[in-house]
C-alpha atoms as a PDB file:
ATOM      1  CA  UNK A   1       0.000   0.000   0.000  1.00  0.00           C
ATOM      2  CA  UNK A   2       2.712   2.464   0.962  1.00  0.00           C
ATOM      3  CA  UNK A   3       4.764   1.661  -2.142  1.00  0.00           C
ATOM      4  CA  UNK A   4       1.831   2.440  -4.466  1.00  0.00           C
ATOM      5  CA  UNK A   5       1.335   5.823  -2.749  1.00  0.00           C
ATOM      6  CA  UNK A   6       5.054   6.573  -3.173  1.00  0.00           C
ATOM      7  CA  UNK A   7       4.827   5.536  -6.826  1.00  0.00           C
ATOM      8  CA  UNK A   8       1.834   7.821  -7.466  1.00  0.00           C
ATOM      9  CA  UNK A   9       3.593  10.681  -5.675  1.00  0.00           C
ATOM     10  CA  UNK A  10       6.756  10.142  -7.723  1.00  0.00           C
ATOM     11  CA  UNK A  11       4.807  10.144 -11.010  1.00  0.00           C
ATOM     12  CA  UNK A  12       2.957  13.305  -9.957  1.00  0.00           C
ATOM     13  CA  UNK A  13       6.231  15.094  -9.252  1.00  0.00           C
ATOM     14  CA  UNK A  14       7.715  13.941 -12.563  1.00  0.00           C
ATOM     15  CA  UNK A  15       4.608  15.054 -14.464  1.00  0.00           C
ATOM     16  CA  UNK A  16       4.745  18.471 -12.811  1.00  0.00           C
ATOM     17  CA  UNK A  17       8.428  18.886 -13.644  1.00  0.00           C
ATOM     18  CA  UNK A  18       7.852  17.768 -17.225  1.00  0.00           C
ATOM     19  CA  UNK A  19       5.018  20.255 -17.705  1.00  0.00           C
ATOM     20  CA  UNK A  20       6.918  23.214 -16.294  1.00  0.00           C
ATOM     21  CA  UNK A  21       9.946  22.360 -18.427  1.00  0.00           C
ATOM     22  CA  UNK A  22       7.954  22.623 -21.644  1.00  0.00           C
ATOM     23  CA  UNK A  23       7.041  26.300 -21.427  1.00  0.00           C
ATOM     24  CA  UNK A  24       7.907  28.175 -24.587  1.00  0.00           C
ATOM     25  CA  UNK A  25       9.901  31.404 -24.796  1.00  0.00           C
ATOM     26  CA  UNK A  26       8.731  34.068 -27.258  1.00  0.00           C
ATOM     27  CA  UNK A  27       9.535  37.619 -28.242  1.00  0.00           C
ATOM     28  CA  UNK A  28       6.964  39.820 -26.489  1.00  0.00           C
ATOM     29  CA  UNK A  29       7.081  43.351 -27.873  1.00  0.00           C
ATOM     30  CA  UNK A  30       5.830  45.632 -30.606  1.00  0.00           C
ATOM     31  CA  UNK A  31       7.754  47.841 -32.992  1.00  0.00           C
ATOM     32  CA  UNK A  32       6.010  50.999 -31.748  1.00  0.00           C
ATOM     33  CA  UNK A  33       7.708  50.740 -28.359  1.00  0.00           C
ATOM     34  CA  UNK A  34      10.902  48.902 -29.325  1.00  0.00           C
ATOM     35  CA  UNK A  35      12.899  49.496 -32.505  1.00  0.00           C
ATOM     36  CA  UNK A  36      14.739  46.241 -31.870  1.00  0.00           C
ATOM     37  CA  UNK A  37      11.523  44.232 -31.384  1.00  0.00           C
ATOM     38  CA  UNK A  38      12.237  40.656 -32.404  1.00  0.00           C
ATOM     39  CA  UNK A  39      15.997  41.184 -32.429  1.00  0.00           C
ATOM     40  CA  UNK A  40      16.883  41.903 -28.806  1.00  0.00           C
ATOM     41  CA  UNK A  41      17.213  39.177 -26.180  1.00  0.00           C
ATOM     42  CA  UNK A  42      15.672  41.610 -23.681  1.00  0.00           C
ATOM     43  CA  UNK A  43      12.314  41.104 -25.486  1.00  0.00           C
ATOM     44  CA  UNK A  44      12.317  37.329 -24.879  1.00  0.00           C
ATOM     45  CA  UNK A  45       9.824  36.238 -22.222  1.00  0.00           C
ATOM     46  CA  UNK A  46       8.854  32.877 -20.790  1.00  0.00           C
ATOM     47  CA  UNK A  47       5.195  32.280 -21.662  1.00  0.00           C
ATOM     48  CA  UNK A  48       2.575  30.887 -19.300  1.00  0.00           C
ATOM     49  CA  UNK A  49       2.290  27.117 -19.172  1.00  0.00           C
ATOM     50  CA  UNK A  50      -0.924  27.167 -21.196  1.00  0.00           C
ATOM     51  CA  UNK A  51       0.682  28.940 -24.177  1.00  0.00           C
ATOM     52  CA  UNK A  52       0.589  26.842 -27.352  1.00  0.00           C
ATOM     53  CA  UNK A  53       3.211  28.817 -29.255  1.00  0.00           C
ATOM     54  CA  UNK A  54       4.377  32.257 -30.341  1.00  0.00           C
ATOM     55  CA  UNK A  55       2.796  34.713 -32.745  1.00  0.00           C
ATOM     56  CA  UNK A  56       3.909  37.523 -35.010  1.00  0.00           C
ATOM     57  CA  UNK A  57       0.945  39.700 -35.948  1.00  0.00           C
ATOM     58  CA  UNK A  58       1.028  42.618 -38.394  1.00  0.00           C
ATOM     59  CA  UNK A  59      -1.850  45.098 -38.154  1.00  0.00           C
ATOM     60  CA  UNK A  60      -2.897  48.463 -39.530  1.00  0.00           C
ATOM     61  CA  UNK A  61      -3.559  50.830 -36.646  1.00  0.00           C
ATOM     62  CA  UNK A  62      -4.446  54.431 -37.533  1.00  0.00           C
ATOM     63  CA  UNK A  63      -2.991  53.870 -41.027  1.00  0.00           C
ATOM     64  CA  UNK A  64       0.316  52.747 -39.506  1.00  0.00           C
ATOM     65  CA  UNK A  65       1.705  49.240 -39.913  1.00  0.00           C
ATOM     66  CA  UNK A  66       2.555  47.743 -36.493  1.00  0.00           C
ATOM     67  CA  UNK A  67       4.111  44.350 -35.730  1.00  0.00           C
ATOM     68  CA  UNK A  68       3.187  42.669 -32.454  1.00  0.00           C
ATOM     69  CA  UNK A  69       5.085  39.670 -31.116  1.00  0.00           C
ATOM     70  CA  UNK A  70       3.622  37.704 -28.226  1.00  0.00           C
ATOM     71  CA  UNK A  71       2.773  34.321 -26.732  1.00  0.00           C
ATOM     72  CA  UNK A  72      -0.091  32.461 -28.418  1.00  0.00           C
ATOM     73  CA  UNK A  73      -2.843  30.633 -26.531  1.00  0.00           C
ATOM     74  CA  UNK A  74      -5.020  29.043 -29.196  1.00  0.00           C
ATOM     75  CA  UNK A  75      -4.682  26.004 -31.422  1.00  0.00           C
ATOM     76  CA  UNK A  76      -1.755  26.906 -33.713  1.00  0.00           C
ATOM     77  CA  UNK A  77      -3.172  24.718 -36.485  1.00  0.00           C
ATOM     78  CA  UNK A  78      -6.480  26.644 -36.657  1.00  0.00           C
ATOM     79  CA  UNK A  79      -5.647  30.025 -38.145  1.00  0.00           C
ATOM     80  CA  UNK A  80      -8.916  30.734 -40.007  1.00  0.00           C
ATOM     81  CA  UNK A  81      -9.893  33.468 -37.526  1.00  0.00           C
ATOM     82  CA  UNK A  82      -6.468  35.120 -37.347  1.00  0.00           C
ATOM     83  CA  UNK A  83      -4.382  35.741 -34.266  1.00  0.00           C
ATOM     84  CA  UNK A  84      -6.513  38.176 -32.356  1.00  0.00           C
ATOM     85  CA  UNK A  85      -7.086  36.981 -28.803  1.00  0.00           C
ATOM     86  CA  UNK A  86      -9.368  39.918 -28.094  1.00  0.00           C
ATOM     87  CA  UNK A  87     -12.169  40.569 -30.559  1.00  0.00           C
ATOM     88  CA  UNK A  88     -12.645  44.093 -29.158  1.00  0.00           C
ATOM     89  CA  UNK A  89      -9.266  44.935 -30.684  1.00  0.00           C
ATOM     90  CA  UNK A  90     -10.662  44.212 -34.150  1.00  0.00           C
ATOM     91  CA  UNK A  91     -12.485  47.538 -33.950  1.00  0.00           C
ATOM     92  CA  UNK A  92      -9.209  49.328 -33.194  1.00  0.00           C
ATOM     93  CA  UNK A  93      -7.056  47.759 -35.928  1.00  0.00           C
ATOM     94  CA  UNK A  94      -7.185  45.634 -39.051  1.00  0.00           C
ATOM     95  CA  UNK A  95      -5.108  42.478 -39.086  1.00  0.00           C
ATOM     96  CA  UNK A  96      -2.848  42.282 -42.159  1.00  0.00           C
ATOM     97  CA  UNK A  97      -1.073  39.016 -41.450  1.00  0.00           C
ATOM     98  CA  UNK A  98      -0.426  36.551 -38.679  1.00  0.00           C
ATOM     99  CA  UNK A  99       2.126  33.804 -38.190  1.00  0.00           C
ATOM    100  CA  UNK A 100       2.228  31.287 -35.346  1.00  0.00           C
ATOM    101  CA  UNK A 101       4.982  28.849 -34.479  1.00  0.00           C
ATOM    102  CA  UNK A 102       5.835  26.397 -31.718  1.00  0.00           C
ATOM    103  CA  UNK A 103       9.595  26.640 -31.111  1.00  0.00           C
ATOM    104  CA  UNK A 104      11.457  28.900 -28.690  1.00  0.00           C
ATOM    105  CA  UNK A 105      12.013  32.438 -30.057  1.00  0.00           C
ATOM    106  CA  UNK A 106      10.456  31.511 -33.421  1.00  0.00           C
ATOM    107  CA  UNK A 107       8.557  34.808 -33.733  1.00  0.00           C
ATOM    108  CA  UNK A 108      11.677  36.958 -34.005  1.00  0.00           C
ATOM    109  CA  UNK A 109      12.593  39.280 -36.808  1.00  0.00           C
ATOM    110  CA  UNK A 110      13.890  37.643 -39.957  1.00  0.00           C
ATOM    111  CA  UNK A 111      15.001  40.944 -41.496  1.00  0.00           C
ATOM    112  CA  UNK A 112      18.682  40.030 -41.122  1.00  0.00           C
ATOM    113  CA  UNK A 113      18.346  36.589 -42.726  1.00  0.00           C
ATOM    114  CA  UNK A 114      18.669  37.792 -46.371  1.00  0.00           C
ATOM    115  CA  UNK A 115      21.734  39.864 -45.494  1.00  0.00           C
ATOM    116  CA  UNK A 116      23.352  36.857 -43.818  1.00  0.00           C
ATOM    117  CA  UNK A 117      22.607  34.682 -46.847  1.00  0.00           C
ATOM    118  CA  UNK A 118      24.209  37.262 -49.164  1.00  0.00           C
ATOM    119  CA  UNK A 119      27.373  37.434 -47.054  1.00  0.00           C
ATOM    120  CA  UNK A 120      27.520  33.644 -46.880  1.00  0.00           C
ATOM    121  CA  UNK A 121      27.161  33.403 -50.662  1.00  0.00           C
ATOM    122  CA  UNK A 122      29.888  36.032 -51.241  1.00  0.00           C
ATOM    123  CA  UNK A 123      32.190  34.300 -48.763  1.00  0.00           C
ATOM    124  CA  UNK A 124      31.784  30.888 -50.439  1.00  0.00           C
ATOM    125  CA  UNK A 125      32.189  32.469 -53.893  1.00  0.00           C
ATOM    126  CA  UNK A 126      35.404  34.138 -52.715  1.00  0.00           C
ATOM    127  CA  UNK A 127      36.769  30.838 -51.427  1.00  0.00           C
ATOM    128  CA  UNK A 128      35.959  29.037 -54.678  1.00  0.00           C
ATOM    129  CA  UNK A 129      37.500  31.643 -56.953  1.00  0.00           C
END
């Protein structure tokens, strides 16, 4: 009897540790308040345990294009209704695009990726010539 209680307790502790170890880290910022939004490690936050992923949402707000990065709490495979977690916000802005992902820091800025690819290509071309 005592051994089964210890076994249940041990599994409960392991399950709790496993769940808390799976929290995702996302960029949480917007480019109105942070010019380096999606680039700076200071914008990376640990999401709540019930987060399903990260999101990168581009909206038009007062005729200005704004990018929001945040934790995502819906089913990442069901994007037919967009990213908006708060339908009241739909009256304040118009969603242009939305991307969700499920890996740590996956909603960062990819603006430097083409530049890196160009430098890599030039470096390999220089080595081969």
